Structure formats: C-alpha cells, structure tokens
Amino acid sequence: MLNVEVSEDVLVARLRTEDPEFKKWEEEHHKLESSLASIDSHVYLSPEEEVERKRIQKLKLAAKDKMMEMVRRYKVGRA
C-alpha cells in the first residue's frame, strides 16, 4: 500500500468544497484582507484607522489560524 502525502493545496480545495465551516472562515479571511487593503491604500492613517488596521490584522490572522487548524485536523483524521 502506498502512503501518498496529499499536498496542502489539495486539502484546502477539498475542505473548501466539503466543509461549510472552512468555507465560512475562508470567506471571512478574504473579506478582512479586502478591508485591510482598503485601509492600506491610504497614504496616512488617523490614530483610529491605525487601531482598526491592527484589529483587522488580528482577526485575519485568527481566521487563517482556524483554517490551518482545520487542515491539520483533516490530515490527522486521514492518517
């Protein structure tokens, strides 16, 4: 029996289609990425915008961490 390592990209694609929770986190991550890009398009940021930028960065990282944890769990479950 061959033990073939499935690439992370393949796992992400599979989770994207099979797991609604993963898809929700991925959509949230993309939404936050767009918000961050919008803020970063400003030449200067007000103190309030700086705080909002940091908040969005943290939420985006949390969403990415959640997705990566789901990939890790999927790998363990398939091992």
PDB file of N, CA and C in Angstrom:
ATOM      1  N   MET A   1       0.843  -1.186   0.000  1.00  0.00           N
ATOM      2  CA  MET A   1       0.000   0.000   0.000  1.00  0.00           C
ATOM      3  C   MET A   1       0.887   1.247   0.000  1.00  0.00           C
ATOM      4  N   LEU A   2       0.612   2.185  -0.873  1.00  0.00           N
ATOM      5  CA  LEU A   2       1.386   3.408  -0.979  1.00  0.00           C
ATOM      6  C   LEU A   2       0.842   4.453  -0.019  1.00  0.00           C
ATOM      7  N   ASN A   3       1.754   5.130   0.650  1.00  0.00           N
ATOM      8  CA  ASN A   3       1.379   6.215   1.546  1.00  0.00           C
ATOM      9  C   ASN A   3       1.719   7.518   0.836  1.00  0.00           C
ATOM     10  N   VAL A   4       0.745   8.083   0.178  1.00  0.00           N
ATOM     11  CA  VAL A   4       0.961   9.290  -0.618  1.00  0.00           C
ATOM     12  C   VAL A   4       0.576  10.504   0.213  1.00  0.00           C
ATOM     13  N   GLU A   5       1.512  11.429   0.331  1.00  0.00           N
ATOM     14  CA  GLU A   5       1.256  12.674   1.051  1.00  0.00           C
ATOM     15  C   GLU A   5       0.432  13.590   0.152  1.00  0.00           C
ATOM     16  N   VAL A   6      -0.730  13.971   0.621  1.00  0.00           N
ATOM     17  CA  VAL A   6      -1.594  14.861  -0.147  1.00  0.00           C
ATOM     18  C   VAL A   6      -1.143  16.290   0.126  1.00  0.00           C
ATOM     19  N   SER A   7      -0.967  17.059  -0.926  1.00  0.00           N
ATOM     20  CA  SER A   7      -0.491  18.433  -0.755  1.00  0.00           C
ATOM     21  C   SER A   7      -1.525  19.271   0.001  1.00  0.00           C
ATOM     22  N   GLU A   8      -1.014  20.296   0.658  1.00  0.00           N
ATOM     23  CA  GLU A   8      -1.888  21.169   1.439  1.00  0.00           C
ATOM     24  C   GLU A   8      -2.898  21.878   0.534  1.00  0.00           C
ATOM     25  N   ASP A   9      -2.479  22.226  -0.674  1.00  0.00           N
ATOM     26  CA  ASP A   9      -3.400  22.878  -1.613  1.00  0.00           C
ATOM     27  C   ASP A   9      -4.584  21.973  -1.949  1.00  0.00           C
ATOM     28  N   VAL A  10      -4.305  20.682  -2.104  1.00  0.00           N
ATOM     29  CA  VAL A  10      -5.371  19.725  -2.398  1.00  0.00           C
ATOM     30  C   VAL A  10      -6.316  19.616  -1.203  1.00  0.00           C
ATOM     31  N   LEU A  11      -5.743  19.580   0.004  1.00  0.00           N
ATOM     32  CA  LEU A  11      -6.574  19.505   1.210  1.00  0.00           C
ATOM     33  C   LEU A  11      -7.451  20.745   1.353  1.00  0.00           C
ATOM     34  N   VAL A  12      -6.868  21.906   1.097  1.00  0.00           N
ATOM     35  CA  VAL A  12      -7.638  23.153   1.195  1.00  0.00           C
ATOM     36  C   VAL A  12      -8.776  23.140   0.176  1.00  0.00           C
ATOM     37  N   ALA A  13      -8.494  22.716  -1.038  1.00  0.00           N
ATOM     38  CA  ALA A  13      -9.547  22.644  -2.062  1.00  0.00           C
ATOM     39  C   ALA A  13     -10.649  21.679  -1.644  1.00  0.00           C
ATOM     40  N   ARG A  14     -10.250  20.565  -1.058  1.00  0.00           N
ATOM     41  CA  ARG A  14     -11.239  19.575  -0.611  1.00  0.00           C
ATOM     42  C   ARG A  14     -12.082  20.141   0.528  1.00  0.00           C
ATOM     43  N   LEU A  15     -11.421  20.767   1.513  1.00  0.00           N
ATOM     44  CA  LEU A  15     -12.151  21.355   2.637  1.00  0.00           C
ATOM     45  C   LEU A  15     -13.085  22.465   2.160  1.00  0.00           C
ATOM     46  N   ARG A  16     -12.624  23.236   1.195  1.00  0.00           N
ATOM     47  CA  ARG A  16     -13.426  24.337   0.657  1.00  0.00           C
ATOM     48  C   ARG A  16     -14.759  23.823   0.118  1.00  0.00           C
ATOM     49  N   THR A  17     -14.744  22.646  -0.508  1.00  0.00           N
ATOM     50  CA  THR A  17     -15.974  22.119  -1.092  1.00  0.00           C
ATOM     51  C   THR A  17     -16.770  21.252  -0.126  1.00  0.00           C
ATOM     52  N   GLU A  18     -16.086  20.622   0.851  1.00  0.00           N
ATOM     53  CA  GLU A  18     -16.756  19.655   1.722  1.00  0.00           C
ATOM     54  C   GLU A  18     -17.138  20.188   3.098  1.00  0.00           C
ATOM     55  N   ASP A  19     -16.503  21.261   3.540  1.00  0.00           N
ATOM     56  CA  ASP A  19     -16.712  21.730   4.912  1.00  0.00           C
ATOM     57  C   ASP A  19     -17.223  23.171   4.925  1.00  0.00           C
ATOM     58  N   PRO A  20     -18.502  23.353   5.240  1.00  0.00           N
ATOM     59  CA  PRO A  20     -19.069  24.710   5.257  1.00  0.00           C
ATOM     60  C   PRO A  20     -18.367  25.638   6.244  1.00  0.00           C
ATOM     61  N   GLU A  21     -17.911  25.096   7.372  1.00  0.00           N
ATOM     62  CA  GLU A  21     -17.219  25.933   8.361  1.00  0.00           C
ATOM     63  C   GLU A  21     -15.901  26.459   7.785  1.00  0.00           C
ATOM     64  N   PHE A  22     -15.166  25.598   7.089  1.00  0.00           N
ATOM     65  CA  PHE A  22     -13.915  26.032   6.467  1.00  0.00           C
ATOM     66  C   PHE A  22     -14.193  27.133   5.445  1.00  0.00           C
ATOM     67  N   LYS A  23     -15.206  26.920   4.638  1.00  0.00           N
ATOM     68  CA  LYS A  23     -15.565  27.916   3.619  1.00  0.00           C
ATOM     69  C   LYS A  23     -15.929  29.245   4.276  1.00  0.00           C
ATOM     70  N   LYS A  24     -16.639  29.187   5.402  1.00  0.00           N
ATOM     71  CA  LYS A  24     -17.018  30.415   6.124  1.00  0.00           C
ATOM     72  C   LYS A  24     -15.774  31.160   6.589  1.00  0.00           C
ATOM     73  N   TRP A  25     -14.802  30.432   7.166  1.00  0.00           N
ATOM     74  CA  TRP A  25     -13.571  31.064   7.640  1.00  0.00           C
ATOM     75  C   TRP A  25     -12.755  31.629   6.478  1.00  0.00           C
ATOM     76  N   GLU A  26     -12.738  30.911   5.367  1.00  0.00           N
ATOM     77  CA  GLU A  26     -12.002  31.389   4.200  1.00  0.00           C
ATOM     78  C   GLU A  26     -12.625  32.674   3.658  1.00  0.00           C
ATOM     79  N   GLU A  27     -13.953  32.715   3.583  1.00  0.00           N
ATOM     80  CA  GLU A  27     -14.636  33.921   3.117  1.00  0.00           C
ATOM     81  C   GLU A  27     -14.381  35.092   4.066  1.00  0.00           C
ATOM     82  N   GLU A  28     -14.392  34.823   5.362  1.00  0.00           N
ATOM     83  CA  GLU A  28     -14.103  35.865   6.355  1.00  0.00           C
ATOM     84  C   GLU A  28     -12.682  36.389   6.166  1.00  0.00           C
ATOM     85  N   HIS A  29     -11.739  35.492   5.942  1.00  0.00           N
ATOM     86  CA  HIS A  29     -10.341  35.870   5.739  1.00  0.00           C
ATOM     87  C   HIS A  29     -10.212  36.777   4.514  1.00  0.00           C
ATOM     88  N   HIS A  30     -10.886  36.421   3.417  1.00  0.00           N
ATOM     89  CA  HIS A  30     -10.832  37.240   2.203  1.00  0.00           C
ATOM     90  C   HIS A  30     -11.478  38.610   2.423  1.00  0.00           C
ATOM     91  N   LYS A  31     -12.585  38.634   3.154  1.00  0.00           N
ATOM     92  CA  LYS A  31     -13.258  39.898   3.455  1.00  0.00           C
ATOM     93  C   LYS A  31     -12.338  40.813   4.264  1.00  0.00           C
ATOM     94  N   LEU A  32     -11.683  40.238   5.273  1.00  0.00           N
ATOM     95  CA  LEU A  32     -10.763  41.016   6.095  1.00  0.00           C
ATOM     96  C   LEU A  32      -9.557  41.483   5.280  1.00  0.00           C
ATOM     97  N   GLU A  33      -9.098  40.645   4.375  1.00  0.00           N
ATOM     98  CA  GLU A  33      -7.982  41.008   3.501  1.00  0.00           C
ATOM     99  C   GLU A  33      -8.355  42.219   2.637  1.00  0.00           C
ATOM    100  N   SER A  34      -9.564  42.238   2.137  1.00  0.00           N
ATOM    101  CA  SER A  34     -10.042  43.376   1.337  1.00  0.00           C
ATOM    102  C   SER A  34     -10.132  44.639   2.187  1.00  0.00           C
ATOM    103  N   SER A  35     -10.639  44.502   3.400  1.00  0.00           N
ATOM    104  CA  SER A  35     -10.732  45.651   4.305  1.00  0.00           C
ATOM    105  C   SER A  35      -9.349  46.206   4.614  1.00  0.00           C
ATOM    106  N   LEU A  36      -8.413  45.317   4.846  1.00  0.00           N
ATOM    107  CA  LEU A  36      -7.046  45.732   5.150  1.00  0.00           C
ATOM    108  C   LEU A  36      -6.418  46.431   3.942  1.00  0.00           C
ATOM    109  N   ALA A  37      -6.653  45.908   2.755  1.00  0.00           N
ATOM    110  CA  ALA A  37      -6.121  46.536   1.541  1.00  0.00           C
ATOM    111  C   ALA A  37      -6.697  47.940   1.365  1.00  0.00           C
ATOM    112  N   SER A  38      -7.967  48.095   1.697  1.00  0.00           N
ATOM    113  CA  SER A  38      -8.602  49.405   1.590  1.00  0.00           C
ATOM    114  C   SER A  38      -7.949  50.411   2.540  1.00  0.00           C
ATOM    115  N   ILE A  39      -7.726  49.984   3.767  1.00  0.00           N
ATOM    116  CA  ILE A  39      -7.068  50.863   4.747  1.00  0.00           C
ATOM    117  C   ILE A  39      -5.638  51.160   4.305  1.00  0.00           C
ATOM    118  N   ASP A  40      -4.938  50.144   3.821  1.00  0.00           N
ATOM    119  CA  ASP A  40      -3.538  50.318   3.418  1.00  0.00           C
ATOM    120  C   ASP A  40      -3.389  51.204   2.184  1.00  0.00           C
ATOM    121  N   SER A  41      -4.473  51.458   1.475  1.00  0.00           N
ATOM    122  CA  SER A  41      -4.398  52.324   0.300  1.00  0.00           C
ATOM    123  C   SER A  41      -4.275  53.800   0.689  1.00  0.00           C
ATOM    124  N   HIS A  42      -4.550  54.104   1.945  1.00  0.00           N
ATOM    125  CA  HIS A  42      -4.421  55.488   2.412  1.00  0.00           C
ATOM    126  C   HIS A  42      -2.948  55.831   2.607  1.00  0.00           C
ATOM    127  N   VAL A  43      -2.601  57.047   2.242  1.00  0.00           N
ATOM    128  CA  VAL A  43      -1.217  57.487   2.417  1.00  0.00           C
ATOM    129  C   VAL A  43      -0.908  57.650   3.897  1.00  0.00           C
ATOM    130  N   TYR A  44      -1.807  58.283   4.618  1.00  0.00           N
ATOM    131  CA  TYR A  44      -1.654  58.485   6.054  1.00  0.00           C
ATOM    132  C   TYR A  44      -2.871  57.908   6.762  1.00  0.00           C
ATOM    133  N   LEU A  45      -2.641  57.346   7.939  1.00  0.00           N
ATOM    134  CA  LEU A  45      -3.744  56.793   8.724  1.00  0.00           C
ATOM    135  C   LEU A  45      -3.932  57.613   9.992  1.00  0.00           C
ATOM    136  N   SER A  46      -5.191  57.852  10.321  1.00  0.00           N
ATOM    137  CA  SER A  46      -5.501  58.507  11.585  1.00  0.00           C
ATOM    138  C   SER A  46      -5.244  57.506  12.710  1.00  0.00           C
ATOM    139  N   PRO A  47      -5.155  57.971  13.938  1.00  0.00           N
ATOM    140  CA  PRO A  47      -4.993  57.017  15.053  1.00  0.00           C
ATOM    141  C   PRO A  47      -6.103  55.975  15.098  1.00  0.00           C
ATOM    142  N   GLU A  48      -7.333  56.388  14.775  1.00  0.00           N
ATOM    143  CA  GLU A  48      -8.452  55.453  14.761  1.00  0.00           C
ATOM    144  C   GLU A  48      -8.272  54.401  13.657  1.00  0.00           C
ATOM    145  N   GLU A  49      -7.783  54.848  12.499  1.00  0.00           N
ATOM    146  CA  GLU A  49      -7.539  53.917  11.403  1.00  0.00           C
ATOM    147  C   GLU A  49      -6.412  52.939  11.736  1.00  0.00           C
ATOM    148  N   GLU A  50      -5.401  53.422  12.438  1.00  0.00           N
ATOM    149  CA  GLU A  50      -4.305  52.543  12.871  1.00  0.00           C
ATOM    150  C   GLU A  50      -4.829  51.437  13.792  1.00  0.00           C
ATOM    151  N   VAL A  51      -5.696  51.828  14.732  1.00  0.00           N
ATOM    152  CA  VAL A  51      -6.286  50.860  15.657  1.00  0.00           C
ATOM    153  C   VAL A  51      -7.140  49.855  14.878  1.00  0.00           C
ATOM    154  N   GLU A  52      -7.931  50.358  13.951  1.00  0.00           N
ATOM    155  CA  GLU A  52      -8.784  49.478  13.136  1.00  0.00           C
ATOM    156  C   GLU A  52      -7.929  48.542  12.287  1.00  0.00           C
ATOM    157  N   ARG A  53      -6.835  49.050  11.739  1.00  0.00           N
ATOM    158  CA  ARG A  53      -5.933  48.226  10.932  1.00  0.00           C
ATOM    159  C   ARG A  53      -5.390  47.067  11.762  1.00  0.00           C
ATOM    160  N   LYS A  54      -4.946  47.363  12.977  1.00  0.00           N
ATOM    161  CA  LYS A  54      -4.418  46.324  13.874  1.00  0.00           C
ATOM    162  C   LYS A  54      -5.504  45.310  14.230  1.00  0.00           C
ATOM    163  N   ARG A  55      -6.716  45.792  14.469  1.00  0.00           N
ATOM    164  CA  ARG A  55      -7.828  44.899  14.801  1.00  0.00           C
ATOM    165  C   ARG A  55      -8.114  43.948  13.641  1.00  0.00           C
ATOM    166  N   ILE A  56      -8.150  44.485  12.433  1.00  0.00           N
ATOM    167  CA  ILE A  56      -8.413  43.661  11.249  1.00  0.00           C
ATOM    168  C   ILE A  56      -7.292  42.643  11.048  1.00  0.00           C
ATOM    169  N   GLN A  57      -6.045  43.081  11.251  1.00  0.00           N
ATOM    170  CA  GLN A  57      -4.913  42.157  11.104  1.00  0.00           C
ATOM    171  C   GLN A  57      -5.052  40.977  12.066  1.00  0.00           C
ATOM    172  N   LYS A  58      -5.439  41.259  13.297  1.00  0.00           N
ATOM    173  CA  LYS A  58      -5.591  40.194  14.292  1.00  0.00           C
ATOM    174  C   LYS A  58      -6.726  39.242  13.922  1.00  0.00           C
ATOM    175  N   LEU A  59      -7.842  39.791  13.465  1.00  0.00           N
ATOM    176  CA  LEU A  59      -8.970  38.954  13.054  1.00  0.00           C
ATOM    177  C   LEU A  59      -8.605  38.101  11.842  1.00  0.00           C
ATOM    178  N   LYS A  60      -7.871  38.704  10.905  1.00  0.00           N
ATOM    179  CA  LYS A  60      -7.445  37.974   9.704  1.00  0.00           C
ATOM    180  C   LYS A  60      -6.519  36.825  10.086  1.00  0.00           C
ATOM    181  N   LEU A  61      -5.581  37.082  10.981  1.00  0.00           N
ATOM    182  CA  LEU A  61      -4.670  36.042  11.443  1.00  0.00           C
ATOM    183  C   LEU A  61      -5.428  34.936  12.174  1.00  0.00           C
ATOM    184  N   ALA A  62      -6.401  35.313  12.983  1.00  0.00           N
ATOM    185  CA  ALA A  62      -7.203  34.313  13.703  1.00  0.00           C
ATOM    186  C   ALA A  62      -7.969  33.433  12.721  1.00  0.00           C
ATOM    187  N   ALA A  63      -8.503  34.023  11.660  1.00  0.00           N
ATOM    188  CA  ALA A  63      -9.228  33.244  10.651  1.00  0.00           C
ATOM    189  C   ALA A  63      -8.273  32.283   9.946  1.00  0.00           C
ATOM    190  N   LYS A  64      -7.073  32.757   9.616  1.00  0.00           N
ATOM    191  CA  LYS A  64      -6.074  31.905   8.958  1.00  0.00           C
ATOM    192  C   LYS A  64      -5.657  30.765   9.887  1.00  0.00           C
ATOM    193  N   ASP A  65      -5.447  31.083  11.165  1.00  0.00           N
ATOM    194  CA  ASP A  65      -5.091  30.047  12.140  1.00  0.00           C
ATOM    195  C   ASP A  65      -6.184  28.988  12.235  1.00  0.00           C
ATOM    196  N   LYS A  66      -7.429  29.417  12.232  1.00  0.00           N
ATOM    197  CA  LYS A  66      -8.554  28.481  12.309  1.00  0.00           C
ATOM    198  C   LYS A  66      -8.570  27.557  11.091  1.00  0.00           C
ATOM    199  N   MET A  67      -8.346  28.132   9.910  1.00  0.00           N
ATOM    200  CA  MET A  67      -8.322  27.316   8.692  1.00  0.00           C
ATOM    201  C   MET A  67      -7.168  26.317   8.728  1.00  0.00           C
ATOM    202  N   MET A  68      -6.001  26.754   9.174  1.00  0.00           N
ATOM    203  CA  MET A  68      -4.846  25.858   9.216  1.00  0.00           C
ATOM    204  C   MET A  68      -5.048  24.742  10.247  1.00  0.00           C
ATOM    205  N   GLU A  69      -5.711  25.061  11.339  1.00  0.00           N
ATOM    206  CA  GLU A  69      -6.035  24.030  12.335  1.00  0.00           C
ATOM    207  C   GLU A  69      -6.974  22.994  11.724  1.00  0.00           C
ATOM    208  N   MET A  70      -7.927  23.447  10.934  1.00  0.00           N
ATOM    209  CA  MET A  70      -8.854  22.524  10.281  1.00  0.00           C
ATOM    210  C   MET A  70      -8.108  21.630   9.289  1.00  0.00           C
ATOM    211  N   VAL A  71      -7.121  22.183   8.585  1.00  0.00           N
ATOM    212  CA  VAL A  71      -6.304  21.382   7.664  1.00  0.00           C
ATOM    213  C   VAL A  71      -5.527  20.339   8.450  1.00  0.00           C
ATOM    214  N   ARG A  72      -4.931  20.753   9.572  1.00  0.00           N
ATOM    215  CA  ARG A  72      -4.169  19.805  10.406  1.00  0.00           C
ATOM    216  C   ARG A  72      -5.065  18.679  10.923  1.00  0.00           C
ATOM    217  N   ARG A  73      -6.260  19.034  11.399  1.00  0.00           N
ATOM    218  CA  ARG A  73      -7.191  18.012  11.887  1.00  0.00           C
ATOM    219  C   ARG A  73      -7.583  17.056  10.769  1.00  0.00           C
ATOM    220  N   TYR A  74      -7.787  17.609   9.572  1.00  0.00           N
ATOM    221  CA  TYR A  74      -8.161  16.763   8.428  1.00  0.00           C
ATOM    222  C   TYR A  74      -7.035  15.787   8.113  1.00  0.00           C
ATOM    223  N   LYS A  75      -5.775  16.275   8.154  1.00  0.00           N
ATOM    224  CA  LYS A  75      -4.624  15.420   7.896  1.00  0.00           C
ATOM    225  C   LYS A  75      -4.550  14.285   8.922  1.00  0.00           C
ATOM    226  N   VAL A  76      -4.732  14.611  10.192  1.00  0.00           N
ATOM    227  CA  VAL A  76      -4.673  13.613  11.267  1.00  0.00           C
ATOM    228  C   VAL A  76      -5.798  12.600  11.115  1.00  0.00           C
ATOM    229  N   GLY A  77      -6.979  13.088  10.774  1.00  0.00           N
ATOM    230  CA  GLY A  77      -8.123  12.202  10.599  1.00  0.00           C
ATOM    231  C   GLY A  77      -7.971  11.252   9.422  1.00  0.00           C
ATOM    232  N   ARG A  78      -7.180  11.632   8.454  1.00  0.00           N
ATOM    233  CA  ARG A  78      -6.966  10.823   7.255  1.00  0.00           C
ATOM    234  C   ARG A  78      -5.714   9.953   7.349  1.00  0.00           C
ATOM    235  N   ALA A  79      -4.918  10.169   8.400  1.00  0.00           N
ATOM    236  CA  ALA A  79      -3.663   9.414   8.523  1.00  0.00           C
ATOM    237  C   ALA A  79      -3.897   7.968   8.910  1.00  0.00           C
TER     238      ALA A  79
END
